[in-house]
Amino acid sequence: MNLQYRNITISGGVAVGKNTLHGNLKQYLVLLGWRFTSGGKLLRDFSKEYVQPVASLVPDEFHHQLDDRTKKLLENGHYVIEAWLAGFMAKDRNDTLRVLLRCQNDALRIDRVANRDNISINEAKKYIKAREEGNFIEWKRIYGNYDFFDPQYYHLVIDTYSSGPNETVGKVLDNLGYKNGEK
């Protein structure tokens, strides 16, 4: 199958549907030889391989080495990488479909976290706020004063409040040039 891109990145904040989309793409792309990974998996794998414990790494050095690993996977091709900054890291790659997921309804995001993590609504609100604010502060310190989720860095921006899981995967496959049943 002749696809328009060699890779896909899936980016976005807390509880916007990144993991859901990542999982839903597998049934279509694994048989075509595509591989799937996430920021969390890359982090765990990198931590195991690195001689020093992760905690002893200088944060900037650690981030940059993890970024280099992500970029290397994209160079190999046929990867779907789900990570908050994967699309931003691939912003200069024309061979990578960069997808940004958003959910414009904060109540839905809060509900997703509360149900997923079995915590109260109040705890979910605090968790989302702390996680997103903390990440953005750290990333701006390391990478500069960017709006990491600025649509200019992405080919496709999807609001998962108005686009359900099936519609979302369909939009990504359409942009990829995937035709069901073609080899």
Protein backbone atom coordinates (compact mmCIF):
# COMPACT_ATOMS: atom_id res chain seq x y z
CA MET A 1 0.00 0.00 0.00
CA ASN A 2 1.35 3.40 -0.95
CA LEU A 3 0.85 5.63 2.10
CA GLN A 4 1.46 9.37 2.26
CA TYR A 5 3.58 9.18 5.43
CA ARG A 6 6.18 6.81 6.91
CA ASN A 7 5.31 7.54 10.56
CA ILE A 8 2.56 8.87 12.78
CA THR A 9 2.96 10.83 15.99
CA ILE A 10 0.07 11.24 18.40
CA SER A 11 0.37 14.16 20.81
CA GLY A 12 -1.82 15.95 23.30
CA GLY A 13 -2.38 16.54 26.99
CA VAL A 14 -3.96 14.46 29.73
CA ALA A 15 -7.06 12.39 28.86
CA VAL A 16 -7.52 13.52 25.28
CA GLY A 17 -7.56 10.03 23.75
CA LYS A 18 -3.91 9.44 22.80
CA ASN A 19 -3.80 5.87 24.12
CA THR A 20 -7.18 5.04 22.58
CA LEU A 21 -6.11 6.24 19.12
CA HIS A 22 -2.74 4.51 19.46
CA GLY A 23 -4.48 1.22 20.23
CA ASN A 24 -7.13 1.63 17.55
CA LEU A 25 -4.55 2.19 14.80
CA LYS A 26 -2.87 -1.16 15.53
CA GLN A 27 -5.56 -3.27 13.86
CA TYR A 28 -4.97 -1.42 10.59
CA LEU A 29 -1.21 -0.92 10.53
CA VAL A 30 0.46 -3.86 12.31
CA LEU A 31 -0.17 -6.14 9.33
CA LEU A 32 1.61 -3.58 7.15
CA GLY A 33 4.72 -3.88 9.32
CA TRP A 34 4.20 -0.78 11.44
CA ARG A 35 5.52 -0.73 15.00
CA PHE A 36 3.95 1.00 17.96
CA THR A 37 5.49 2.64 21.00
CA SER A 38 4.71 5.36 23.50
CA GLY A 39 6.59 7.97 25.46
CA GLY A 40 6.11 5.91 28.60
CA LYS A 41 7.53 2.76 26.99
CA LEU A 42 10.47 4.67 25.51
CA LEU A 43 11.17 6.11 28.95
CA ARG A 44 11.07 2.68 30.63
CA ASP A 45 13.23 1.04 27.94
CA PHE A 46 15.75 3.88 28.03
CA SER A 47 15.95 3.70 31.83
CA LYS A 48 16.74 -0.04 31.70
CA GLU A 49 19.48 0.40 29.09
CA TYR A 50 21.15 3.41 30.65
CA VAL A 51 23.96 2.49 33.03
CA GLN A 52 23.13 5.21 35.55
CA PRO A 53 19.85 5.23 37.43
CA VAL A 54 17.44 7.66 35.78
CA ALA A 55 17.21 9.77 38.93
CA SER A 56 20.94 10.54 38.72
CA LEU A 57 20.73 11.90 35.18
CA VAL A 58 20.74 15.61 34.64
CA PRO A 59 17.16 16.36 33.52
CA ASP A 60 18.19 18.20 30.35
CA GLU A 61 20.61 15.47 29.30
CA PHE A 62 17.99 12.82 29.92
CA HIS A 63 15.34 14.67 27.90
CA HIS A 64 17.70 15.23 25.00
CA GLN A 65 18.82 11.60 24.91
CA LEU A 66 15.21 10.44 24.95
CA ASP A 67 14.43 12.92 22.15
CA ASP A 68 17.33 11.51 20.11
CA ARG A 69 15.97 8.00 20.59
CA THR A 70 12.52 9.09 19.38
CA LYS A 71 14.02 10.80 16.32
CA LYS A 72 16.02 7.65 15.52
CA LEU A 73 12.83 5.56 15.51
CA LEU A 74 11.24 8.04 13.12
CA GLU A 75 14.26 7.78 10.83
CA ASN A 76 13.75 4.00 10.70
CA GLY A 77 10.16 4.54 9.60
CA HIS A 78 6.83 2.79 10.04
CA TYR A 79 6.38 3.86 13.64
CA VAL A 80 3.35 5.15 15.48
CA ILE A 81 4.63 7.04 18.51
CA GLU A 82 2.24 8.27 21.18
CA ALA A 83 3.83 10.89 23.42
CA TRP A 84 2.99 14.38 24.57
CA LEU A 85 5.80 15.98 22.56
CA ALA A 86 6.24 13.42 19.76
CA GLY A 87 4.66 15.69 17.16
CA PHE A 88 6.65 18.71 18.29
CA MET A 89 9.87 16.66 18.11
CA ALA A 90 8.95 15.62 14.56
CA LYS A 91 7.88 19.11 13.45
CA ASP A 92 10.54 19.24 10.72
CA ARG A 93 9.82 15.76 9.35
CA ASN A 94 7.68 15.81 6.22
CA ASP A 95 7.42 12.00 6.25
CA THR A 96 5.58 11.94 9.59
CA LEU A 97 1.85 12.53 10.03
CA ARG A 98 1.72 14.67 13.15
CA VAL A 99 -1.60 14.34 14.97
CA LEU A 100 -2.62 16.58 17.86
CA LEU A 101 -5.55 15.47 19.98
CA ARG A 102 -7.48 17.95 22.06
CA CYS A 103 -10.62 17.74 24.13
CA GLN A 104 -12.29 21.12 24.42
CA ASN A 105 -14.58 19.89 27.19
CA ASP A 106 -12.62 19.89 30.45
CA ALA A 107 -15.47 18.13 32.27
CA LEU A 108 -15.06 15.16 29.93
CA ARG A 109 -11.29 15.05 30.51
CA ILE A 110 -11.82 15.20 34.25
CA ASP A 111 -14.38 12.40 34.05
CA ARG A 112 -12.00 10.28 31.96
CA VAL A 113 -9.21 10.64 34.54
CA ALA A 114 -11.55 10.04 37.49
CA ASN A 115 -12.85 6.82 35.92
CA ARG A 116 -9.48 5.64 34.58
CA ASP A 117 -7.61 6.20 37.85
CA ASN A 118 -10.54 5.58 40.20
CA ILE A 119 -10.16 8.96 41.91
CA SER A 120 -12.57 11.74 42.84
CA ILE A 121 -13.54 14.55 40.48
CA ASN A 122 -11.60 16.99 42.65
CA GLU A 123 -8.48 14.82 42.58
CA ALA A 124 -8.79 14.45 38.81
CA LYS A 125 -8.98 18.25 38.37
CA LYS A 126 -5.88 18.73 40.52
CA TYR A 127 -4.04 15.93 38.73
CA ILE A 128 -4.67 17.35 35.24
CA LYS A 129 -3.72 20.87 36.30
CA ALA A 130 -0.52 19.80 38.09
CA ARG A 131 0.61 17.41 35.37
CA GLU A 132 0.05 19.78 32.46
CA GLU A 133 1.39 22.89 34.16
CA GLY A 134 4.43 21.02 35.48
CA ASN A 135 5.24 19.53 32.09
CA PHE A 136 4.91 22.84 30.25
CA ILE A 137 7.16 24.64 32.76
CA GLU A 138 9.82 21.94 32.42
CA TRP A 139 9.61 21.79 28.62
CA LYS A 140 9.85 25.56 28.23
CA ARG A 141 12.92 25.54 30.44
CA ILE A 142 14.53 22.82 28.31
CA TYR A 143 13.34 23.61 24.76
CA GLY A 144 12.43 27.28 24.84
CA ASN A 145 9.26 29.32 24.96
CA TYR A 146 7.14 27.29 22.54
CA ASP A 147 3.44 26.54 22.50
CA PHE A 148 4.05 22.81 22.08
CA PHE A 149 0.46 22.16 21.06
CA ASP A 150 0.27 24.97 18.51
CA PRO A 151 -1.61 23.59 15.48
CA GLN A 152 1.12 24.92 13.15
CA TYR A 153 3.30 21.96 14.18
CA TYR A 154 0.66 19.37 13.24
CA HIS A 155 -0.97 18.10 10.06
CA LEU A 156 -4.16 17.07 11.81
CA VAL A 157 -5.83 18.48 14.93
CA ILE A 158 -8.80 16.55 16.29
CA ASP A 159 -11.13 17.54 19.12
CA THR A 160 -12.04 14.26 20.80
CA TYR A 161 -15.04 15.87 22.46
CA SER A 162 -16.82 16.03 19.11
CA SER A 163 -14.98 13.14 17.41
CA GLY A 164 -15.46 9.67 18.88
CA PRO A 165 -12.80 6.92 18.80
CA ASN A 166 -13.93 5.39 15.47
CA GLU A 167 -14.27 8.75 13.74
CA THR A 168 -10.87 9.82 15.08
CA VAL A 169 -9.07 6.71 13.79
CA GLY A 170 -10.86 7.17 10.45
CA LYS A 171 -9.60 10.75 10.13
CA VAL A 172 -6.03 9.64 10.80
CA LEU A 173 -6.22 6.74 8.33
CA ASP A 174 -7.72 9.03 5.68
CA ASN A 175 -4.86 11.53 6.14
CA LEU A 176 -2.37 8.67 6.00
CA GLY A 177 -3.83 7.55 2.68
CA TYR A 178 -4.86 4.16 4.05
CA LYS A 179 -7.39 2.28 1.94
CA ASN A 180 -9.05 -0.63 3.73
CA GLY A 181 -8.39 -3.93 2.00
CA GLU A 182 -5.45 -2.70 -0.11
CA LYS A 183 -2.05 -4.31 0.23
